[in-house]
Amino acid sequence: MKHAGEARRAGLKIIIWTLVAVCAMAAMGFLGKYVAQFVLWISEGLFVLWVLFALFTLYFFRDPEARTPSLARAVVSPGHGKVDLVDQCDEAKFIGGRCHRISIFLSVINVHVQNAPVAGKVSLLAHTEGQFLSAVSSDCSLHNENLLIGFESSEIANDRIGLRLIAGLIARRIVPFVKLDDIVSRGERISLIQFGSRCDLYLPLDYKVQVKLGDKVVGGESIMAIKP
């Protein structure tokens, strides 16, 4: 007879498609179980990494109180790190000529808060844009982004002390805490460089340098030079 079996075929189609749907849901549930376990495992790993990162960040941004010496006519270290260059150079922008240069390399494990080398007035803040080469090389001051801070000493009349804060490969932000014409005390916190960097200290030639290559210095505490 005409159209015989159509209803049966329609019913079979429904049965087949519902079977396909049930099998698909079962497959999704099966896969979902393992996907959920994988996501959970990844999440646990990411959380552990975040905890380690948070602990490192707290360690990196530590800010110890400096025990600044009271020795008269002394210049203290502006940063925590290792002295890897002691020489003489020309610094025209603030010192105005030949001067001592003491360069301190700050690794990622050093404290990155900087301290005022002398008491006095901030009379120069000169930012220079540049590259972000590795701060391991002392020559990076010629190319890297940096901030030159000039201090007019209140301890010795007419003496000028320069400090250049230099960004590195990882350190890409210099954050000064001081403004032009601020009065600072020796050892006072003046800036922050984030994640590895360098500090160059410029001193008049009549100062007697007290550190040598390889010395590890503490910001606001270690005596770098003395005015005889």
N, C-alpha and C. Protein backbone atom coordinates (compact mmCIF):
# COMPACT_ATOMS: atom_id res chain seq x y z
N MET A 1 0.84 -1.20 0.00
CA MET A 1 0.00 0.00 0.00
C MET A 1 0.88 1.25 0.00
N LYS A 2 0.29 2.33 -0.49
CA LYS A 2 1.03 3.56 -0.61
C LYS A 2 1.44 4.07 0.76
N HIS A 3 2.75 4.52 0.85
CA HIS A 3 3.34 5.08 2.08
C HIS A 3 3.43 4.07 3.21
N ALA A 4 3.35 2.81 2.87
CA ALA A 4 3.48 1.81 3.93
C ALA A 4 4.90 1.87 4.50
N GLY A 5 5.04 1.81 5.80
CA GLY A 5 6.34 1.81 6.49
C GLY A 5 6.91 3.17 6.77
N GLU A 6 6.29 4.23 6.31
CA GLU A 6 6.81 5.60 6.53
C GLU A 6 6.88 5.91 8.02
N ALA A 7 5.82 5.58 8.72
CA ALA A 7 5.76 5.88 10.16
C ALA A 7 6.88 5.13 10.90
N ARG A 8 7.05 3.81 10.46
CA ARG A 8 8.10 3.03 11.12
C ARG A 8 9.48 3.65 10.88
N ARG A 9 9.70 4.09 9.59
CA ARG A 9 10.99 4.70 9.26
C ARG A 9 11.19 6.00 10.04
N ALA A 10 10.12 6.78 10.19
CA ALA A 10 10.21 8.02 10.96
C ALA A 10 10.58 7.72 12.41
N GLY A 11 9.94 6.67 12.95
CA GLY A 11 10.26 6.29 14.32
C GLY A 11 11.69 5.84 14.47
N LEU A 12 12.16 5.05 13.46
CA LEU A 12 13.55 4.59 13.51
C LEU A 12 14.54 5.76 13.43
N LYS A 13 14.20 6.77 12.61
CA LYS A 13 15.07 7.95 12.53
C LYS A 13 15.19 8.64 13.88
N ILE A 14 14.05 8.78 14.55
CA ILE A 14 14.08 9.42 15.87
C ILE A 14 14.94 8.61 16.84
N ILE A 15 14.73 7.27 16.78
CA ILE A 15 15.51 6.40 17.68
C ILE A 15 17.00 6.53 17.39
N ILE A 16 17.37 6.54 16.10
CA ILE A 16 18.79 6.63 15.72
C ILE A 16 19.39 7.97 16.16
N TRP A 17 18.66 9.06 15.89
CA TRP A 17 19.19 10.38 16.24
C TRP A 17 19.27 10.57 17.75
N THR A 18 18.29 10.04 18.47
CA THR A 18 18.40 10.13 19.94
C THR A 18 19.55 9.29 20.45
N LEU A 19 19.81 8.13 19.78
CA LEU A 19 20.95 7.30 20.17
C LEU A 19 22.26 8.06 19.92
N VAL A 20 22.31 8.74 18.75
CA VAL A 20 23.51 9.55 18.45
C VAL A 20 23.69 10.64 19.50
N ALA A 21 22.58 11.30 19.89
CA ALA A 21 22.66 12.35 20.89
C ALA A 21 23.14 11.82 22.23
N VAL A 22 22.57 10.65 22.62
CA VAL A 22 22.97 10.04 23.89
C VAL A 22 24.45 9.66 23.86
N CYS A 23 24.90 9.06 22.73
CA CYS A 23 26.31 8.69 22.61
C CYS A 23 27.22 9.91 22.65
N ALA A 24 26.78 11.00 21.99
CA ALA A 24 27.56 12.24 21.99
C ALA A 24 27.67 12.81 23.40
N MET A 25 26.54 12.79 24.13
CA MET A 25 26.57 13.29 25.50
C MET A 25 27.47 12.43 26.38
N ALA A 26 27.38 11.12 26.16
CA ALA A 26 28.24 10.22 26.94
C ALA A 26 29.71 10.48 26.63
N ALA A 27 30.02 10.70 25.32
CA ALA A 27 31.40 10.99 24.94
C ALA A 27 31.88 12.31 25.53
N MET A 28 30.98 13.30 25.51
CA MET A 28 31.33 14.60 26.09
C MET A 28 31.57 14.49 27.58
N GLY A 29 30.71 13.71 28.24
CA GLY A 29 30.91 13.50 29.67
C GLY A 29 32.22 12.80 29.97
N PHE A 30 32.53 11.78 29.13
CA PHE A 30 33.78 11.04 29.30
C PHE A 30 34.98 11.95 29.10
N LEU A 31 34.93 12.74 27.99
CA LEU A 31 36.03 13.67 27.73
C LEU A 31 36.07 14.79 28.77
N GLY A 32 34.87 15.25 29.15
CA GLY A 32 34.78 16.33 30.12
C GLY A 32 35.44 15.98 31.44
N LYS A 33 35.31 14.71 31.82
CA LYS A 33 35.92 14.26 33.06
C LYS A 33 37.43 14.48 33.02
N TYR A 34 38.04 14.07 31.90
CA TYR A 34 39.49 14.20 31.78
C TYR A 34 39.92 15.64 31.53
N VAL A 35 39.08 16.37 30.77
CA VAL A 35 39.38 17.79 30.56
C VAL A 35 39.33 18.54 31.88
N ALA A 36 38.32 18.23 32.70
CA ALA A 36 38.21 18.89 34.00
C ALA A 36 39.40 18.57 34.88
N GLN A 37 39.83 17.30 34.84
CA GLN A 37 41.00 16.92 35.63
C GLN A 37 42.25 17.65 35.15
N PHE A 38 42.36 17.78 33.80
CA PHE A 38 43.51 18.49 33.24
C PHE A 38 43.50 19.97 33.63
N VAL A 39 42.30 20.59 33.52
CA VAL A 39 42.18 21.99 33.89
C VAL A 39 42.50 22.18 35.37
N LEU A 40 42.02 21.27 36.21
CA LEU A 40 42.31 21.34 37.64
C LEU A 40 43.80 21.22 37.90
N TRP A 41 44.45 20.28 37.19
CA TRP A 41 45.88 20.09 37.35
C TRP A 41 46.65 21.34 36.92
N ILE A 42 46.24 21.91 35.77
CA ILE A 42 46.88 23.14 35.30
C ILE A 42 46.68 24.27 36.30
N SER A 43 45.46 24.38 36.83
CA SER A 43 45.15 25.45 37.78
C SER A 43 46.01 25.33 39.03
N GLU A 44 46.18 24.11 39.50
CA GLU A 44 47.02 23.90 40.69
C GLU A 44 48.45 24.33 40.40
N GLY A 45 48.94 23.96 39.21
CA GLY A 45 50.30 24.35 38.83
C GLY A 45 50.45 25.85 38.72
N LEU A 46 49.44 26.51 38.09
CA LEU A 46 49.48 27.97 37.96
C LEU A 46 49.42 28.64 39.32
N PHE A 47 48.64 28.10 40.23
CA PHE A 47 48.54 28.70 41.57
C PHE A 47 49.88 28.60 42.30
N VAL A 48 50.54 27.43 42.16
CA VAL A 48 51.85 27.27 42.79
C VAL A 48 52.84 28.28 42.21
N LEU A 49 52.81 28.46 40.88
CA LEU A 49 53.68 29.44 40.24
C LEU A 49 53.36 30.85 40.73
N TRP A 50 52.07 31.15 40.88
CA TRP A 50 51.67 32.48 41.37
C TRP A 50 52.17 32.71 42.79
N VAL A 51 52.07 31.69 43.64
CA VAL A 51 52.56 31.82 45.02
C VAL A 51 54.06 32.10 45.02
N LEU A 52 54.81 31.36 44.18
CA LEU A 52 56.26 31.59 44.09
C LEU A 52 56.57 32.99 43.58
N PHE A 53 55.79 33.43 42.57
CA PHE A 53 55.97 34.79 42.05
C PHE A 53 55.67 35.84 43.10
N ALA A 54 54.59 35.64 43.86
CA ALA A 54 54.21 36.59 44.90
C ALA A 54 55.29 36.68 45.98
N LEU A 55 55.83 35.52 46.37
CA LEU A 55 56.89 35.51 47.38
C LEU A 55 58.14 36.21 46.87
N PHE A 56 58.51 35.95 45.59
CA PHE A 56 59.68 36.60 45.01
C PHE A 56 59.46 38.11 44.93
N THR A 57 58.25 38.53 44.54
CA THR A 57 57.96 39.95 44.41
C THR A 57 58.07 40.65 45.76
N LEU A 58 57.53 40.01 46.81
CA LEU A 58 57.65 40.58 48.16
C LEU A 58 59.12 40.68 48.57
N TYR A 59 59.89 39.63 48.21
CA TYR A 59 61.32 39.65 48.54
C TYR A 59 62.04 40.73 47.76
N PHE A 60 61.72 40.86 46.46
CA PHE A 60 62.38 41.85 45.62
C PHE A 60 62.12 43.26 46.11
N PHE A 61 60.88 43.54 46.51
CA PHE A 61 60.52 44.90 46.92
C PHE A 61 60.73 45.15 48.41
N ARG A 62 61.56 44.33 49.05
CA ARG A 62 61.86 44.56 50.47
C ARG A 62 62.56 45.91 50.62
N ASP A 63 62.38 46.51 51.77
CA ASP A 63 62.85 47.89 51.97
C ASP A 63 63.43 48.02 53.38
N PRO A 64 64.64 47.50 53.61
CA PRO A 64 65.22 47.55 54.95
C PRO A 64 65.57 48.98 55.37
N GLU A 65 65.59 49.20 56.67
CA GLU A 65 65.95 50.50 57.22
C GLU A 65 67.47 50.61 57.22
N ALA A 66 67.99 51.67 56.64
CA ALA A 66 69.44 51.86 56.57
C ALA A 66 69.98 52.37 57.90
N ARG A 67 71.10 51.79 58.32
CA ARG A 67 71.81 52.26 59.52
C ARG A 67 72.92 53.18 59.03
N THR A 68 72.54 54.42 58.77
CA THR A 68 73.45 55.37 58.13
C THR A 68 74.51 55.86 59.11
N PRO A 69 75.80 55.77 58.73
CA PRO A 69 76.86 56.25 59.62
C PRO A 69 76.82 57.76 59.78
N SER A 70 77.28 58.22 60.92
CA SER A 70 77.27 59.66 61.20
C SER A 70 78.62 60.32 60.94
N LEU A 71 79.55 59.58 60.35
CA LEU A 71 80.89 60.10 60.07
C LEU A 71 80.80 61.34 59.19
N ALA A 72 81.41 62.43 59.64
CA ALA A 72 81.34 63.69 58.91
C ALA A 72 82.07 63.60 57.57
N ARG A 73 81.56 64.30 56.58
CA ARG A 73 82.19 64.44 55.27
C ARG A 73 82.29 63.11 54.52
N ALA A 74 81.39 62.19 54.84
CA ALA A 74 81.39 60.88 54.18
C ALA A 74 80.25 60.79 53.16
N VAL A 75 80.48 59.99 52.13
CA VAL A 75 79.47 59.70 51.11
C VAL A 75 79.11 58.22 51.24
N VAL A 76 77.82 57.94 51.40
CA VAL A 76 77.40 56.55 51.56
C VAL A 76 76.92 55.98 50.22
N SER A 77 76.84 54.66 50.18
CA SER A 77 76.41 54.00 48.95
C SER A 77 74.97 54.35 48.62
N PRO A 78 74.71 54.68 47.35
CA PRO A 78 73.33 54.97 46.94
C PRO A 78 72.51 53.71 46.69
N GLY A 79 73.18 52.54 46.61
CA GLY A 79 72.45 51.33 46.28
C GLY A 79 73.08 50.10 46.89
N HIS A 80 72.32 49.00 46.83
CA HIS A 80 72.79 47.70 47.30
C HIS A 80 73.31 46.91 46.10
N GLY A 81 74.51 46.40 46.18
CA GLY A 81 75.03 45.63 45.07
C GLY A 81 76.53 45.44 45.14
N LYS A 82 77.13 45.29 43.98
CA LYS A 82 78.56 45.00 43.87
C LYS A 82 79.26 46.09 43.07
N VAL A 83 80.36 46.60 43.62
CA VAL A 83 81.16 47.60 42.92
C VAL A 83 81.94 46.90 41.80
N ASP A 84 81.67 47.26 40.56
CA ASP A 84 82.38 46.61 39.46
C ASP A 84 83.11 47.60 38.57
N LEU A 85 83.15 48.87 38.98
CA LEU A 85 83.92 49.86 38.23
C LEU A 85 84.29 51.02 39.16
N VAL A 86 85.57 51.34 39.22
CA VAL A 86 86.05 52.52 39.94
C VAL A 86 87.03 53.21 39.01
N ASP A 87 86.68 54.38 38.52
CA ASP A 87 87.57 55.08 37.60
C ASP A 87 87.30 56.58 37.65
N GLN A 88 87.82 57.29 36.69
CA GLN A 88 87.54 58.71 36.53
C GLN A 88 86.92 58.93 35.15
N CYS A 89 86.01 59.88 35.09
CA CYS A 89 85.36 60.18 33.81
C CYS A 89 84.97 61.65 33.78
N ASP A 90 84.45 62.08 32.65
CA ASP A 90 83.94 63.45 32.52
C ASP A 90 82.42 63.41 32.62
N GLU A 91 81.88 64.19 33.55
CA GLU A 91 80.43 64.30 33.70
C GLU A 91 80.09 65.79 33.57
N ALA A 92 79.62 66.15 32.38
CA ALA A 92 79.47 67.57 32.06
C ALA A 92 78.16 68.16 32.54
N LYS A 93 77.12 67.35 32.65
CA LYS A 93 75.78 67.88 32.91
C LYS A 93 75.63 68.46 34.31
N PHE A 94 76.28 67.84 35.31
CA PHE A 94 76.10 68.32 36.68
C PHE A 94 77.43 68.60 37.38
N ILE A 95 78.37 67.66 37.32
CA ILE A 95 79.66 67.88 37.97
C ILE A 95 80.45 68.94 37.22
N GLY A 96 80.33 68.94 35.90
CA GLY A 96 80.98 69.97 35.10
C GLY A 96 82.42 69.66 34.75
N GLY A 97 82.79 68.40 34.72
CA GLY A 97 84.17 68.08 34.35
C GLY A 97 84.59 66.72 34.87
N ARG A 98 85.89 66.58 35.09
CA ARG A 98 86.48 65.32 35.52
C ARG A 98 86.05 64.99 36.94
N CYS A 99 85.78 63.71 37.19
CA CYS A 99 85.33 63.30 38.52
C CYS A 99 85.59 61.81 38.73
N HIS A 100 85.50 61.38 39.98
CA HIS A 100 85.51 59.95 40.28
C HIS A 100 84.17 59.35 39.87
N ARG A 101 84.23 58.11 39.38
CA ARG A 101 82.99 57.37 39.11
C ARG A 101 83.08 56.01 39.81
N ILE A 102 82.06 55.71 40.58
CA ILE A 102 81.94 54.39 41.21
C ILE A 102 80.64 53.78 40.72
N SER A 103 80.74 52.63 40.04
CA SER A 103 79.55 52.01 39.47
C SER A 103 79.18 50.76 40.26
N ILE A 104 77.89 50.64 40.58
CA ILE A 104 77.37 49.53 41.38
C ILE A 104 76.36 48.76 40.54
N PHE A 105 76.58 47.46 40.41
CA PHE A 105 75.63 46.61 39.70
C PHE A 105 74.65 46.01 40.69
N LEU A 106 73.35 46.15 40.40
CA LEU A 106 72.29 45.59 41.23
C LEU A 106 71.69 44.40 40.51
N SER A 107 71.88 43.21 41.05
CA SER A 107 71.27 42.02 40.46
C SER A 107 69.82 41.92 40.92
N VAL A 108 69.09 40.95 40.38
CA VAL A 108 67.67 40.80 40.73
C VAL A 108 67.47 40.38 42.19
N ILE A 109 68.53 39.92 42.86
CA ILE A 109 68.37 39.50 44.26
C ILE A 109 68.75 40.61 45.23
N ASN A 110 69.22 41.75 44.71
CA ASN A 110 69.58 42.87 45.58
C ASN A 110 68.36 43.73 45.91
N VAL A 111 68.46 44.48 47.01
CA VAL A 111 67.46 45.50 47.32
C VAL A 111 67.52 46.56 46.23
N HIS A 112 66.37 47.02 45.76
CA HIS A 112 66.35 47.97 44.66
C HIS A 112 65.84 49.36 45.03
N VAL A 113 65.80 49.65 46.32
CA VAL A 113 65.53 51.01 46.78
C VAL A 113 66.87 51.73 46.86
N GLN A 114 66.94 52.97 46.35
CA GLN A 114 68.18 53.74 46.42
C GLN A 114 68.12 54.78 47.54
N ASN A 115 69.32 55.17 48.01
CA ASN A 115 69.44 56.08 49.14
C ASN A 115 70.29 57.29 48.77
N ALA A 116 70.01 58.40 49.41
CA ALA A 116 70.78 59.62 49.16
C ALA A 116 72.22 59.45 49.64
N PRO A 117 73.19 59.69 48.78
CA PRO A 117 74.60 59.52 49.20
C PRO A 117 75.08 60.58 50.18
N VAL A 118 74.46 61.76 50.13
CA VAL A 118 74.82 62.85 51.04
C VAL A 118 73.56 63.61 51.44
N ALA A 119 73.69 64.41 52.47
CA ALA A 119 72.60 65.32 52.84
C ALA A 119 72.70 66.56 51.96
N GLY A 120 71.56 67.08 51.55
CA GLY A 120 71.61 68.29 50.74
C GLY A 120 70.33 68.50 49.96
N LYS A 121 70.44 69.27 48.88
CA LYS A 121 69.29 69.63 48.05
C LYS A 121 69.37 68.94 46.70
N VAL A 122 68.21 68.43 46.25
CA VAL A 122 68.13 67.86 44.91
C VAL A 122 68.05 69.02 43.92
N SER A 123 69.14 69.25 43.20
CA SER A 123 69.18 70.41 42.30
C SER A 123 69.11 70.02 40.83
N LEU A 124 69.05 68.70 40.55
CA LEU A 124 68.91 68.27 39.16
C LEU A 124 68.20 66.93 39.10
N LEU A 125 67.22 66.84 38.21
CA LEU A 125 66.58 65.57 37.86
C LEU A 125 66.51 65.55 36.34
N ALA A 126 67.40 64.80 35.71
CA ALA A 126 67.48 64.80 34.25
C ALA A 126 67.26 63.40 33.72
N HIS A 127 66.09 63.19 33.09
CA HIS A 127 65.76 61.88 32.54
C HIS A 127 66.20 61.79 31.09
N THR A 128 66.87 60.69 30.74
CA THR A 128 67.33 60.47 29.37
C THR A 128 66.75 59.16 28.85
N GLU A 129 66.00 59.23 27.76
CA GLU A 129 65.47 58.01 27.17
C GLU A 129 66.58 57.25 26.46
N GLY A 130 66.38 55.94 26.35
CA GLY A 130 67.41 55.12 25.71
C GLY A 130 66.98 53.69 25.57
N GLN A 131 67.97 52.82 25.42
CA GLN A 131 67.71 51.40 25.23
C GLN A 131 67.59 50.69 26.58
N PHE A 132 67.40 49.38 26.51
CA PHE A 132 67.31 48.56 27.72
C PHE A 132 68.28 47.38 27.58
N LEU A 133 69.57 47.72 27.37
CA LEU A 133 70.59 46.70 27.28
C LEU A 133 70.88 46.13 28.66
N SER A 134 71.56 45.00 28.70
CA SER A 134 71.89 44.38 29.98
C SER A 134 72.73 45.33 30.83
N ALA A 135 72.34 45.45 32.11
CA ALA A 135 73.06 46.34 33.04
C ALA A 135 74.33 45.69 33.58
N VAL A 136 74.62 44.46 33.15
CA VAL A 136 75.85 43.79 33.60
C VAL A 136 77.07 44.56 33.13
N SER A 137 77.00 45.14 31.93
CA SER A 137 78.11 45.92 31.40
C SER A 137 78.05 47.35 31.90
N SER A 138 79.18 47.85 32.42
CA SER A 138 79.21 49.22 32.94
C SER A 138 79.03 50.25 31.82
N ASP A 139 79.25 49.86 30.57
CA ASP A 139 79.08 50.79 29.44
C ASP A 139 77.62 51.05 29.11
N CYS A 140 76.71 50.32 29.74
CA CYS A 140 75.29 50.49 29.43
C CYS A 140 74.80 51.91 29.73
N SER A 141 75.53 52.63 30.61
CA SER A 141 75.12 54.00 30.94
C SER A 141 75.17 54.92 29.72
N LEU A 142 75.96 54.52 28.70
CA LEU A 142 76.05 55.33 27.49
C LEU A 142 74.83 55.18 26.59
N HIS A 143 74.09 54.08 26.77
CA HIS A 143 73.01 53.76 25.84
C HIS A 143 71.64 53.62 26.50
N ASN A 144 71.62 53.21 27.76
CA ASN A 144 70.35 52.85 28.39
C ASN A 144 69.60 54.06 28.94
N GLU A 145 68.30 53.87 29.08
CA GLU A 145 67.48 54.88 29.75
C GLU A 145 68.01 55.11 31.15
N ASN A 146 68.08 56.37 31.57
CA ASN A 146 68.65 56.66 32.89
C ASN A 146 68.10 57.96 33.46
N LEU A 147 68.32 58.14 34.74
CA LEU A 147 67.91 59.36 35.43
C LEU A 147 69.10 59.87 36.22
N LEU A 148 69.54 61.08 35.93
CA LEU A 148 70.65 61.70 36.65
C LEU A 148 70.09 62.60 37.74
N ILE A 149 70.49 62.31 38.98
CA ILE A 149 70.07 63.12 40.13
C ILE A 149 71.29 63.87 40.66
N GLY A 150 71.17 65.18 40.78
CA GLY A 150 72.27 66.00 41.28
C GLY A 150 71.98 66.51 42.68
N PHE A 151 72.95 66.34 43.58
CA PHE A 151 72.80 66.79 44.97
C PHE A 151 73.81 67.90 45.26
N GLU A 152 73.32 68.99 45.81
CA GLU A 152 74.20 70.03 46.35
C GLU A 152 74.34 69.75 47.83
N SER A 153 75.54 69.36 48.24
CA SER A 153 75.77 68.93 49.62
C SER A 153 75.54 70.06 50.61
N SER A 154 74.85 69.73 51.70
CA SER A 154 74.67 70.69 52.79
C SER A 154 75.74 70.49 53.86
N GLU A 155 76.56 69.46 53.69
CA GLU A 155 77.62 69.17 54.64
C GLU A 155 78.92 69.89 54.29
N ILE A 156 79.17 70.03 52.97
CA ILE A 156 80.37 70.69 52.49
C ILE A 156 79.96 71.71 51.44
N ALA A 157 80.20 72.97 51.71
CA ALA A 157 79.74 74.04 50.82
C ALA A 157 80.29 73.88 49.42
N ASN A 158 79.40 74.09 48.45
CA ASN A 158 79.73 74.10 47.02
C ASN A 158 80.07 72.72 46.43
N ASP A 159 79.99 71.67 47.21
CA ASP A 159 80.26 70.33 46.68
C ASP A 159 79.03 69.76 46.00
N ARG A 160 79.26 69.15 44.86
CA ARG A 160 78.18 68.53 44.09
C ARG A 160 78.46 67.04 43.94
N ILE A 161 77.43 66.24 44.18
CA ILE A 161 77.50 64.79 44.04
C ILE A 161 76.43 64.36 43.04
N GLY A 162 76.82 63.57 42.06
CA GLY A 162 75.88 63.10 41.05
C GLY A 162 75.58 61.62 41.20
N LEU A 163 74.36 61.24 40.87
CA LEU A 163 73.95 59.84 40.92
C LEU A 163 73.12 59.54 39.66
N ARG A 164 73.60 58.57 38.88
CA ARG A 164 72.87 58.18 37.69
C ARG A 164 72.22 56.81 37.91
N LEU A 165 70.90 56.76 37.82
CA LEU A 165 70.14 55.52 37.95
C LEU A 165 69.90 54.98 36.55
N ILE A 166 70.33 53.74 36.30
CA ILE A 166 70.34 53.21 34.94
C ILE A 166 69.44 51.99 34.83
N ALA A 167 68.52 52.02 33.89
CA ALA A 167 67.64 50.87 33.64
C ALA A 167 68.44 49.78 32.95
N GLY A 168 67.99 48.53 33.09
CA GLY A 168 68.68 47.41 32.47
C GLY A 168 67.78 46.63 31.54
N LEU A 169 68.19 45.39 31.26
CA LEU A 169 67.43 44.53 30.36
C LEU A 169 66.06 44.21 30.92
N ILE A 170 66.01 43.97 32.24
CA ILE A 170 64.74 43.64 32.90
C ILE A 170 64.18 44.88 33.59
N ALA A 171 65.07 45.69 34.16
CA ALA A 171 64.61 46.90 34.85
C ALA A 171 64.19 47.95 33.83
N ARG A 172 62.91 48.18 33.71
CA ARG A 172 62.44 49.12 32.69
C ARG A 172 61.65 50.27 33.29
N ARG A 173 61.82 50.45 34.59
CA ARG A 173 61.10 51.56 35.20
C ARG A 173 61.91 52.12 36.36
N ILE A 174 62.23 53.40 36.27
CA ILE A 174 62.92 54.11 37.34
C ILE A 174 61.89 55.00 38.02
N VAL A 175 61.72 54.84 39.32
CA VAL A 175 60.69 55.57 40.06
C VAL A 175 61.35 56.47 41.09
N PRO A 176 61.53 57.76 40.80
CA PRO A 176 62.12 58.66 41.81
C PRO A 176 61.10 59.00 42.90
N PHE A 177 61.58 59.04 44.13
CA PHE A 177 60.73 59.45 45.25
C PHE A 177 60.88 60.95 45.55
N VAL A 178 61.90 61.56 44.97
CA VAL A 178 62.20 62.96 45.27
C VAL A 178 61.84 63.85 44.09
N LYS A 179 61.70 65.13 44.39
CA LYS A 179 61.42 66.13 43.36
C LYS A 179 62.52 67.18 43.40
N LEU A 180 62.56 67.98 42.36
CA LEU A 180 63.53 69.06 42.29
C LEU A 180 63.37 69.99 43.49
N ASP A 181 64.49 70.37 44.09
CA ASP A 181 64.58 71.28 45.24
C ASP A 181 64.22 70.62 46.56
N ASP A 182 63.95 69.32 46.57
CA ASP A 182 63.73 68.62 47.84
C ASP A 182 65.02 68.62 48.66
N ILE A 183 64.85 68.68 49.96
CA ILE A 183 65.98 68.58 50.89
C ILE A 183 65.99 67.15 51.44
N VAL A 184 67.12 66.48 51.32
CA VAL A 184 67.21 65.09 51.76
C VAL A 184 68.31 64.95 52.80
N SER A 185 68.19 63.94 53.61
CA SER A 185 69.23 63.61 54.57
C SER A 185 70.04 62.44 54.05
N ARG A 186 71.26 62.31 54.51
CA ARG A 186 72.11 61.20 54.07
C ARG A 186 71.46 59.86 54.41
N GLY A 187 71.39 58.97 53.43
CA GLY A 187 70.78 57.66 53.63
C GLY A 187 69.29 57.60 53.41
N GLU A 188 68.66 58.75 53.15
CA GLU A 188 67.21 58.78 52.94
C GLU A 188 66.83 58.06 51.65
N ARG A 189 65.70 57.39 51.64
CA ARG A 189 65.22 56.72 50.42
C ARG A 189 64.88 57.77 49.37
N ILE A 190 65.39 57.55 48.15
CA ILE A 190 65.17 58.55 47.10
C ILE A 190 64.56 57.98 45.82
N SER A 191 64.64 56.65 45.63
CA SER A 191 64.15 56.11 44.35
C SER A 191 64.05 54.60 44.41
N LEU A 192 63.49 54.05 43.32
CA LEU A 192 63.35 52.61 43.15
C LEU A 192 63.57 52.28 41.68
N ILE A 193 64.40 51.25 41.42
CA ILE A 193 64.54 50.73 40.06
C ILE A 193 64.06 49.29 40.09
N GLN A 194 63.20 48.92 39.17
CA GLN A 194 62.57 47.61 39.22
C GLN A 194 63.32 46.56 38.38
N PHE A 195 63.73 45.48 39.04
CA PHE A 195 64.24 44.25 38.42
C PHE A 195 65.59 44.39 37.71
N GLY A 196 66.66 44.55 38.49
CA GLY A 196 68.02 44.52 37.93
C GLY A 196 68.43 45.84 37.31
N SER A 197 69.57 46.42 37.72
CA SER A 197 69.89 47.75 37.25
C SER A 197 71.32 48.12 37.65
N ARG A 198 71.62 49.42 37.56
CA ARG A 198 72.96 49.92 37.89
C ARG A 198 72.86 51.35 38.42
N CYS A 199 73.78 51.69 39.33
CA CYS A 199 73.90 53.06 39.84
C CYS A 199 75.33 53.54 39.61
N ASP A 200 75.49 54.72 39.02
CA ASP A 200 76.80 55.35 38.88
C ASP A 200 76.86 56.56 39.81
N LEU A 201 77.87 56.58 40.67
CA LEU A 201 78.06 57.67 41.62
C LEU A 201 79.22 58.53 41.14
N TYR A 202 78.99 59.86 41.03
CA TYR A 202 80.01 60.80 40.57
C TYR A 202 80.44 61.70 41.72
N LEU A 203 81.77 61.75 41.97
CA LEU A 203 82.31 62.50 43.10
C LEU A 203 83.43 63.43 42.64
N PRO A 204 83.55 64.61 43.27
CA PRO A 204 84.68 65.49 42.95
C PRO A 204 86.01 64.78 43.19
N LEU A 205 87.04 65.20 42.47
CA LEU A 205 88.33 64.52 42.52
C LEU A 205 89.04 64.65 43.87
N ASP A 206 88.64 65.62 44.68
CA ASP A 206 89.32 65.76 45.98
C ASP A 206 88.74 64.83 47.05
N TYR A 207 87.75 63.99 46.69
CA TYR A 207 87.25 62.98 47.62
C TYR A 207 88.15 61.74 47.54
N LYS A 208 88.32 61.07 48.68
CA LYS A 208 89.14 59.87 48.73
C LYS A 208 88.22 58.64 48.69
N VAL A 209 88.31 57.88 47.61
CA VAL A 209 87.47 56.69 47.43
C VAL A 209 87.85 55.61 48.44
N GLN A 210 86.85 55.01 49.07
CA GLN A 210 87.07 54.03 50.13
C GLN A 210 86.75 52.60 49.72
N VAL A 211 86.25 52.40 48.50
CA VAL A 211 85.87 51.05 48.06
C VAL A 211 86.75 50.63 46.89
N LYS A 212 86.72 49.32 46.59
CA LYS A 212 87.50 48.78 45.49
C LYS A 212 86.63 47.81 44.70
N LEU A 213 87.15 47.38 43.56
CA LEU A 213 86.42 46.45 42.71
C LEU A 213 86.06 45.17 43.48
N GLY A 214 84.83 44.72 43.30
CA GLY A 214 84.38 43.48 43.94
C GLY A 214 83.74 43.67 45.29
N ASP A 215 83.85 44.89 45.87
CA ASP A 215 83.22 45.13 47.17
C ASP A 215 81.71 45.07 47.05
N LYS A 216 81.07 44.44 48.04
CA LYS A 216 79.61 44.44 48.13
C LYS A 216 79.21 45.56 49.08
N VAL A 217 78.31 46.40 48.61
CA VAL A 217 77.93 47.59 49.38
C VAL A 217 76.45 47.56 49.73
N VAL A 218 76.13 48.26 50.80
CA VAL A 218 74.75 48.33 51.30
C VAL A 218 74.27 49.77 51.19
N GLY A 219 73.13 49.96 50.55
CA GLY A 219 72.59 51.30 50.35
C GLY A 219 72.34 52.03 51.65
N GLY A 220 72.83 53.26 51.73
CA GLY A 220 72.63 54.10 52.90
C GLY A 220 73.56 53.78 54.06
N GLU A 221 74.42 52.74 53.91
CA GLU A 221 75.28 52.32 55.02
C GLU A 221 76.77 52.32 54.66
N SER A 222 77.13 51.68 53.56
CA SER A 222 78.54 51.53 53.20
C SER A 222 79.14 52.88 52.82
N ILE A 223 80.33 53.19 53.37
CA ILE A 223 81.01 54.44 53.05
C ILE A 223 81.76 54.29 51.74
N MET A 224 81.42 55.11 50.77
CA MET A 224 82.02 55.04 49.43
C MET A 224 83.23 55.95 49.30
N ALA A 225 83.19 57.11 49.96
CA ALA A 225 84.28 58.09 49.84
C ALA A 225 84.20 59.07 51.02
N ILE A 226 85.32 59.72 51.26
CA ILE A 226 85.41 60.71 52.34
C ILE A 226 86.11 61.94 51.82
N LYS A 227 85.63 63.10 52.21
CA LYS A 227 86.29 64.36 51.86
C LYS A 227 87.36 64.63 52.93
N PRO A 228 88.65 64.64 52.56
CA PRO A 228 89.72 64.85 53.56
C PRO A 228 89.57 66.19 54.28
